Amino acid sequence: MDVKAAVESRRSIRRFKPEALPRETIESILDAARLSPSGKNNQPWQFVVVQGDEREAMSARLQAGLKATQGKGIPTGSAENTFRIMREAPATVFVFNTKAAAPWEEQSVMERIFSVVNVQSIGGAIQSMLLRAQEMGVGSLWICDTFSAYEELCAWLGKDSLLVAAVSLGYADETPDARPRLPLSELVEWRG
């Protein structure tokens, strides 16, 4: 599959078959992230893969975080459904920025600038994961709803760096249509 085909055919998968992914498949997907470009070659990413029986422990942390967040009166949006998807997916990869702390911690201007650069790099690494998964016939979902259980997940995973996102992986049990996209004419301004 060429890059254009992978980009055009990739979909966010929210229903997975229960079949586990081989470790070699997950490693190949993670290797695509490792090889991604990063600002100043900082390579700020670290990955934690949760699969098998550990999904139940993950689910307990997600539910505890959701309850705590709702108890504070903070809207959780689609987090409850996202957490169901994470529980059912054969594997979920948590993606950390090892060069940054939690989003509510104070930062100097330079720390904030480097944090933005590193998050951009991590976004590229996640996109590489999604495209490699697509090429391998593996469904994926890029997840940002982790902030509804942020503290619980970081404590459970033993990480004090910035949890940027998660990616759930598995063999797709659905074939969603393409989501609408704005035309280039509404997105691009040409000069010169």
Protein backbone atom coordinates (compact mmCIF):
# COMPACT_ATOMS: atom_id res chain seq x y z
CA MET A 1 0.00 0.00 0.00
CA ASP A 2 1.42 3.39 -0.93
CA VAL A 3 1.23 6.43 1.37
CA LYS A 4 -1.60 8.08 -0.59
CA ALA A 5 -3.72 4.93 -0.35
CA ALA A 6 -2.99 4.59 3.38
CA VAL A 7 -3.96 8.22 4.05
CA GLU A 8 -7.13 7.98 1.97
CA SER A 9 -8.29 4.62 3.35
CA ARG A 10 -7.44 5.12 7.03
CA ARG A 11 -10.46 5.41 9.35
CA SER A 12 -10.88 5.87 13.08
CA ILE A 13 -11.99 2.47 14.33
CA ARG A 14 -14.25 2.26 17.37
CA ARG A 15 -15.17 -1.44 17.23
CA PHE A 16 -12.46 -4.10 17.29
CA LYS A 17 -12.48 -7.87 16.99
CA PRO A 18 -11.37 -9.53 20.24
CA GLU A 19 -8.39 -11.23 18.56
CA ALA A 20 -5.05 -10.19 20.11
CA LEU A 21 -2.41 -8.56 17.95
CA PRO A 22 0.94 -10.32 17.66
CA ARG A 23 3.72 -8.54 19.53
CA GLU A 24 5.69 -8.23 16.26
CA THR A 25 2.79 -6.33 14.69
CA ILE A 26 2.65 -3.84 17.56
CA GLU A 27 6.45 -3.46 17.49
CA SER A 28 6.34 -2.71 13.76
CA ILE A 29 3.72 -0.01 14.36
CA LEU A 30 5.79 1.48 17.19
CA ASP A 31 8.91 1.36 15.05
CA ALA A 32 7.19 3.63 12.52
CA ALA A 33 6.72 6.14 15.36
CA ARG A 34 10.35 5.77 16.45
CA LEU A 35 11.53 6.61 12.94
CA SER A 36 9.39 9.76 12.69
CA PRO A 37 11.01 13.19 12.42
CA SER A 38 11.26 15.25 15.59
CA GLY A 39 12.23 18.85 16.25
CA LYS A 40 15.97 19.10 17.05
CA ASN A 41 15.97 15.27 16.88
CA ASN A 42 14.66 15.42 20.43
CA GLN A 43 12.71 12.14 20.11
CA PRO A 44 10.51 13.10 23.07
CA TRP A 45 8.24 10.06 22.91
CA GLN A 46 7.82 7.05 25.10
CA PHE A 47 5.19 4.36 24.69
CA VAL A 48 3.43 2.08 27.16
CA VAL A 49 1.49 -0.81 25.61
CA VAL A 50 -1.46 -2.19 27.57
CA GLN A 51 -2.97 -5.48 26.43
CA GLY A 52 -4.37 -8.76 27.73
CA ASP A 53 -5.47 -8.89 31.36
CA GLU A 54 -3.96 -5.46 32.04
CA ARG A 55 -6.90 -3.95 30.13
CA GLU A 56 -9.11 -4.60 33.17
CA ALA A 57 -6.75 -2.67 35.44
CA MET A 58 -6.63 0.12 32.83
CA SER A 59 -10.42 0.17 32.68
CA ALA A 60 -10.65 0.51 36.47
CA ARG A 61 -8.31 3.53 36.37
CA LEU A 62 -10.26 5.07 33.48
CA GLN A 63 -13.56 4.68 35.35
CA ALA A 64 -12.11 6.08 38.60
CA GLY A 65 -10.76 9.08 36.72
CA LEU A 66 -14.02 9.65 34.89
CA LYS A 67 -15.96 9.57 38.17
CA ALA A 68 -13.51 11.97 39.85
CA THR A 69 -13.59 14.38 36.90
CA GLN A 70 -17.39 14.35 36.78
CA GLY A 71 -17.45 14.84 40.58
CA LYS A 72 -15.55 18.10 40.08
CA GLY A 73 -18.22 19.28 37.64
CA ILE A 74 -15.82 19.12 34.69
CA PRO A 75 -17.45 18.08 31.41
CA THR A 76 -16.13 14.74 30.13
CA GLY A 77 -17.71 14.82 26.67
CA SER A 78 -17.29 11.54 24.82
CA ALA A 79 -14.84 10.06 27.36
CA GLU A 80 -17.22 7.36 28.60
CA ASN A 81 -17.61 5.91 25.10
CA THR A 82 -13.89 6.33 24.40
CA PHE A 83 -13.07 4.41 27.59
CA ARG A 84 -15.36 1.58 26.43
CA ILE A 85 -13.42 1.45 23.16
CA MET A 86 -10.10 1.35 25.02
CA ARG A 87 -11.35 -1.49 27.24
CA GLU A 88 -12.48 -3.53 24.22
CA ALA A 89 -9.46 -2.87 21.99
CA PRO A 90 -6.87 -5.68 22.07
CA ALA A 91 -4.07 -3.14 22.67
CA THR A 92 -3.83 0.50 23.71
CA VAL A 93 -0.60 2.45 23.43
CA PHE A 94 -0.17 5.39 25.80
CA VAL A 95 2.07 8.08 24.30
CA PHE A 96 4.12 10.25 26.64
CA ASN A 97 6.21 13.37 26.08
CA THR A 98 9.27 12.63 28.21
CA LYS A 99 10.41 16.25 27.94
CA ALA A 100 7.35 17.83 29.63
CA ALA A 101 5.33 17.65 32.82
CA ALA A 102 1.56 17.81 33.32
CA PRO A 103 -0.26 20.57 31.41
CA TRP A 104 -1.21 22.51 34.56
CA GLU A 105 2.38 22.82 35.81
CA GLU A 106 4.09 26.19 35.46
CA GLN A 107 6.46 26.58 32.53
CA SER A 108 8.89 29.24 31.41
CA VAL A 109 8.44 30.70 27.94
CA MET A 110 11.26 28.52 26.56
CA GLU A 111 9.82 25.39 28.20
CA ARG A 112 6.45 26.19 26.63
CA ILE A 113 8.06 26.66 23.18
CA PHE A 114 9.93 23.36 23.40
CA SER A 115 6.78 21.68 24.68
CA VAL A 116 4.90 22.80 21.56
CA VAL A 117 7.73 21.56 19.33
CA ASN A 118 7.77 18.20 21.11
CA VAL A 119 4.00 17.79 20.93
CA GLN A 120 4.17 18.48 17.19
CA SER A 121 6.81 15.76 16.89
CA ILE A 122 4.67 13.35 18.89
CA GLY A 123 1.68 14.13 16.66
CA GLY A 124 3.80 13.14 13.67
CA ALA A 125 4.87 9.95 15.42
CA ILE A 126 1.25 9.04 16.13
CA GLN A 127 0.33 9.68 12.49
CA SER A 128 3.17 7.36 11.46
CA MET A 129 1.73 4.70 13.77
CA LEU A 130 -1.74 5.08 12.25
CA LEU A 131 -0.44 4.82 8.69
CA ARG A 132 1.74 1.79 9.47
CA ALA A 133 -1.23 0.14 11.18
CA GLN A 134 -3.39 0.85 8.12
CA GLU A 135 -0.74 -0.65 5.85
CA MET A 136 -0.70 -3.80 8.03
CA GLY A 137 -4.49 -4.19 8.09
CA VAL A 138 -4.76 -3.08 11.72
CA GLY A 139 -7.48 -0.69 12.85
CA SER A 140 -6.57 2.27 15.05
CA LEU A 141 -8.09 5.10 17.04
CA TRP A 142 -6.13 8.20 18.08
CA ILE A 143 -7.45 9.12 21.54
CA CYS A 144 -7.24 12.47 23.32
CA ASP A 145 -9.98 11.78 25.91
CA THR A 146 -7.34 10.52 28.35
CA PHE A 147 -7.47 13.90 30.12
CA SER A 148 -10.69 12.78 31.83
CA ALA A 149 -8.58 10.23 33.77
CA TYR A 150 -5.17 11.89 33.43
CA GLU A 151 -3.91 11.67 37.02
CA GLU A 152 -5.23 8.14 37.55
CA LEU A 153 -3.59 6.86 34.35
CA CYS A 154 -0.22 8.51 35.04
CA ALA A 155 -0.17 7.17 38.60
CA TRP A 156 -1.14 3.67 37.45
CA LEU A 157 1.45 3.68 34.66
CA GLY A 158 4.10 5.16 36.98
CA LYS A 159 4.85 8.13 34.72
CA ASP A 160 5.40 11.76 35.65
CA SER A 161 5.89 13.05 32.11
CA LEU A 162 3.15 14.49 29.92
CA LEU A 163 0.55 11.97 28.73
CA VAL A 164 -0.22 13.32 25.26
CA ALA A 165 -2.59 10.73 23.85
CA ALA A 166 -3.36 7.06 23.45
CA VAL A 167 -3.81 4.88 20.37
CA SER A 168 -6.05 1.84 20.50
CA LEU A 169 -5.18 -0.95 18.07
CA GLY A 170 -6.83 -4.12 16.84
CA TYR A 171 -8.44 -5.77 13.87
CA ALA A 172 -11.40 -3.66 12.80
CA ASP A 173 -14.90 -4.97 13.39
CA GLU A 174 -16.47 -2.13 11.39
CA THR A 175 -15.89 -0.30 8.11
CA PRO A 176 -16.87 3.31 8.68
CA ASP A 177 -17.37 5.70 5.80
CA ALA A 178 -14.97 8.57 5.31
CA ARG A 179 -15.77 11.59 7.47
CA PRO A 180 -16.40 14.86 5.64
CA ARG A 181 -13.39 17.06 5.04
CA LEU A 182 -13.29 20.69 4.00
CA PRO A 183 -12.07 21.28 0.45
CA LEU A 184 -8.56 22.63 -0.04
CA SER A 185 -10.03 25.84 -1.45
CA GLU A 186 -11.31 26.68 2.06
CA LEU A 187 -8.06 25.78 3.79
CA VAL A 188 -5.27 27.17 1.65
CA GLU A 189 -4.18 30.71 0.99
CA TRP A 190 -1.70 31.06 -1.87
CA ARG A 191 0.85 33.87 -2.02
CA GLY A 192 3.20 34.40 -4.92
